[in-house]
């Protein structure tokens, strides 16, 4: 039998992850290729947001 506590923990963590992903500011913003090319590269070649 599956323990209700383990189901609650796993589903709670998935809900928390979904909540944080949906709160991201860049979720509804899609940059054009020109915007990406104009951004300077940061440390280790990554583009800063």
N, C-alpha and C. Protein backbone atom coordinates (compact mmCIF):
# COMPACT_ATOMS: atom_id res chain seq x y z
N UNK A 1 0.84 -1.18 0.00
CA UNK A 1 0.00 0.00 0.00
C UNK A 1 0.89 1.25 0.00
N UNK A 2 0.51 2.22 -0.80
CA UNK A 2 1.30 3.45 -0.92
C UNK A 2 0.94 4.38 0.23
N UNK A 3 1.96 4.92 0.85
CA UNK A 3 1.78 5.79 1.99
C UNK A 3 1.27 7.18 1.55
N UNK A 4 0.26 7.69 2.20
CA UNK A 4 -0.31 9.00 1.85
C UNK A 4 0.68 10.13 2.09
N UNK A 5 1.55 9.98 3.08
CA UNK A 5 2.54 11.01 3.36
C UNK A 5 3.51 11.17 2.19
N UNK A 6 3.98 10.06 1.63
CA UNK A 6 4.92 10.15 0.50
C UNK A 6 4.22 10.72 -0.73
N UNK A 7 2.95 10.39 -0.94
CA UNK A 7 2.21 10.99 -2.05
C UNK A 7 2.05 12.50 -1.84
N UNK A 8 1.77 12.91 -0.63
CA UNK A 8 1.62 14.33 -0.32
C UNK A 8 2.91 15.10 -0.53
N UNK A 9 4.02 14.53 -0.09
CA UNK A 9 5.33 15.18 -0.25
C UNK A 9 5.67 15.32 -1.74
N UNK A 10 5.53 14.25 -2.50
CA UNK A 10 5.92 14.31 -3.92
C UNK A 10 5.02 15.27 -4.70
N UNK A 11 3.73 15.23 -4.47
CA UNK A 11 2.84 16.14 -5.18
C UNK A 11 3.02 17.58 -4.70
N UNK A 12 3.30 17.78 -3.44
CA UNK A 12 3.56 19.12 -2.93
C UNK A 12 4.81 19.73 -3.55
N UNK A 13 5.85 18.93 -3.73
CA UNK A 13 7.07 19.43 -4.35
C UNK A 13 6.85 19.75 -5.83
N UNK A 14 6.06 18.93 -6.51
CA UNK A 14 5.74 19.25 -7.92
C UNK A 14 4.92 20.52 -8.02
N UNK A 15 4.00 20.73 -7.10
CA UNK A 15 3.20 21.95 -7.08
C UNK A 15 4.08 23.17 -6.81
N UNK A 16 5.02 23.04 -5.89
CA UNK A 16 5.94 24.13 -5.59
C UNK A 16 6.81 24.47 -6.80
N UNK A 17 7.31 23.45 -7.49
CA UNK A 17 8.13 23.69 -8.69
C UNK A 17 7.31 24.38 -9.78
N UNK A 18 6.07 23.94 -9.98
CA UNK A 18 5.22 24.58 -10.98
C UNK A 18 4.93 26.02 -10.61
N UNK A 19 4.71 26.29 -9.33
CA UNK A 19 4.44 27.65 -8.86
C UNK A 19 5.62 28.57 -9.15
N UNK A 20 6.83 28.10 -8.86
CA UNK A 20 8.01 28.93 -9.12
C UNK A 20 8.24 29.13 -10.62
N UNK A 21 7.97 28.12 -11.43
CA UNK A 21 8.14 28.27 -12.87
C UNK A 21 7.14 29.26 -13.45
N UNK A 22 5.91 29.24 -12.97
CA UNK A 22 4.90 30.15 -13.50
C UNK A 22 5.10 31.58 -13.04
N UNK A 23 5.85 31.81 -11.98
CA UNK A 23 6.11 33.16 -11.47
C UNK A 23 7.27 33.84 -12.17
N UNK A 24 7.96 33.16 -13.07
CA UNK A 24 9.11 33.76 -13.75
C UNK A 24 8.69 34.94 -14.60
N UNK A 25 9.46 36.01 -14.57
CA UNK A 25 9.15 37.21 -15.34
C UNK A 25 9.36 37.01 -16.83
N UNK A 26 10.29 36.17 -17.21
CA UNK A 26 10.58 35.98 -18.63
C UNK A 26 9.71 34.91 -19.28
N UNK A 27 8.68 34.45 -18.60
CA UNK A 27 7.81 33.42 -19.14
C UNK A 27 7.05 33.90 -20.36
N UNK A 28 6.57 35.14 -20.34
CA UNK A 28 5.79 35.67 -21.45
C UNK A 28 6.60 36.53 -22.40
N UNK A 29 7.89 36.57 -22.24
CA UNK A 29 8.74 37.41 -23.08
C UNK A 29 9.57 36.53 -23.99
N UNK A 30 9.46 36.76 -25.28
CA UNK A 30 10.27 36.03 -26.24
C UNK A 30 11.13 37.03 -27.00
N UNK A 31 12.42 36.92 -26.84
CA UNK A 31 13.33 37.87 -27.47
C UNK A 31 13.56 37.49 -28.93
N UNK A 32 13.76 38.49 -29.75
CA UNK A 32 14.06 38.24 -31.15
C UNK A 32 15.54 37.90 -31.29
N UNK A 33 15.94 37.31 -32.41
CA UNK A 33 17.37 36.98 -32.59
C UNK A 33 18.27 38.21 -32.55
N UNK A 34 17.75 39.36 -33.00
CA UNK A 34 18.57 40.58 -32.92
C UNK A 34 18.82 40.99 -31.49
N UNK A 35 17.82 40.82 -30.62
CA UNK A 35 18.01 41.17 -29.21
C UNK A 35 19.05 40.26 -28.57
N UNK A 36 19.03 39.00 -28.90
CA UNK A 36 20.00 38.06 -28.33
C UNK A 36 21.42 38.35 -28.81
N UNK A 37 21.56 38.75 -30.08
CA UNK A 37 22.90 39.02 -30.61
C UNK A 37 23.49 40.30 -30.03
N UNK A 38 22.64 41.23 -29.63
CA UNK A 38 23.12 42.51 -29.12
C UNK A 38 23.53 42.43 -27.65
N UNK A 39 23.10 41.39 -26.95
CA UNK A 39 23.44 41.29 -25.53
C UNK A 39 24.91 40.91 -25.36
N UNK A 40 25.58 41.55 -24.43
CA UNK A 40 26.97 41.16 -24.19
C UNK A 40 27.03 39.83 -23.44
N UNK A 41 28.08 39.11 -23.68
CA UNK A 41 28.24 37.84 -22.99
C UNK A 41 28.81 38.08 -21.60
N UNK A 42 28.31 37.33 -20.66
CA UNK A 42 28.77 37.45 -19.28
C UNK A 42 29.90 36.47 -19.00
N UNK A 43 30.00 36.12 -17.76
CA UNK A 43 31.03 35.21 -17.31
C UNK A 43 30.81 33.82 -17.91
N UNK A 44 31.85 33.15 -18.36
CA UNK A 44 31.84 31.82 -18.96
C UNK A 44 31.00 31.76 -20.22
N UNK A 45 30.87 32.87 -20.94
CA UNK A 45 30.20 32.87 -22.22
C UNK A 45 28.69 32.87 -22.17
N UNK A 46 28.10 32.97 -20.97
CA UNK A 46 26.66 32.98 -20.84
C UNK A 46 26.14 34.40 -21.04
N UNK A 47 24.94 34.50 -21.55
CA UNK A 47 24.30 35.80 -21.70
C UNK A 47 23.54 36.11 -20.43
N UNK A 48 23.77 37.31 -19.90
CA UNK A 48 23.07 37.71 -18.68
C UNK A 48 21.65 38.08 -18.99
N UNK A 49 20.73 37.71 -18.09
CA UNK A 49 19.31 38.01 -18.31
C UNK A 49 18.96 39.42 -17.88
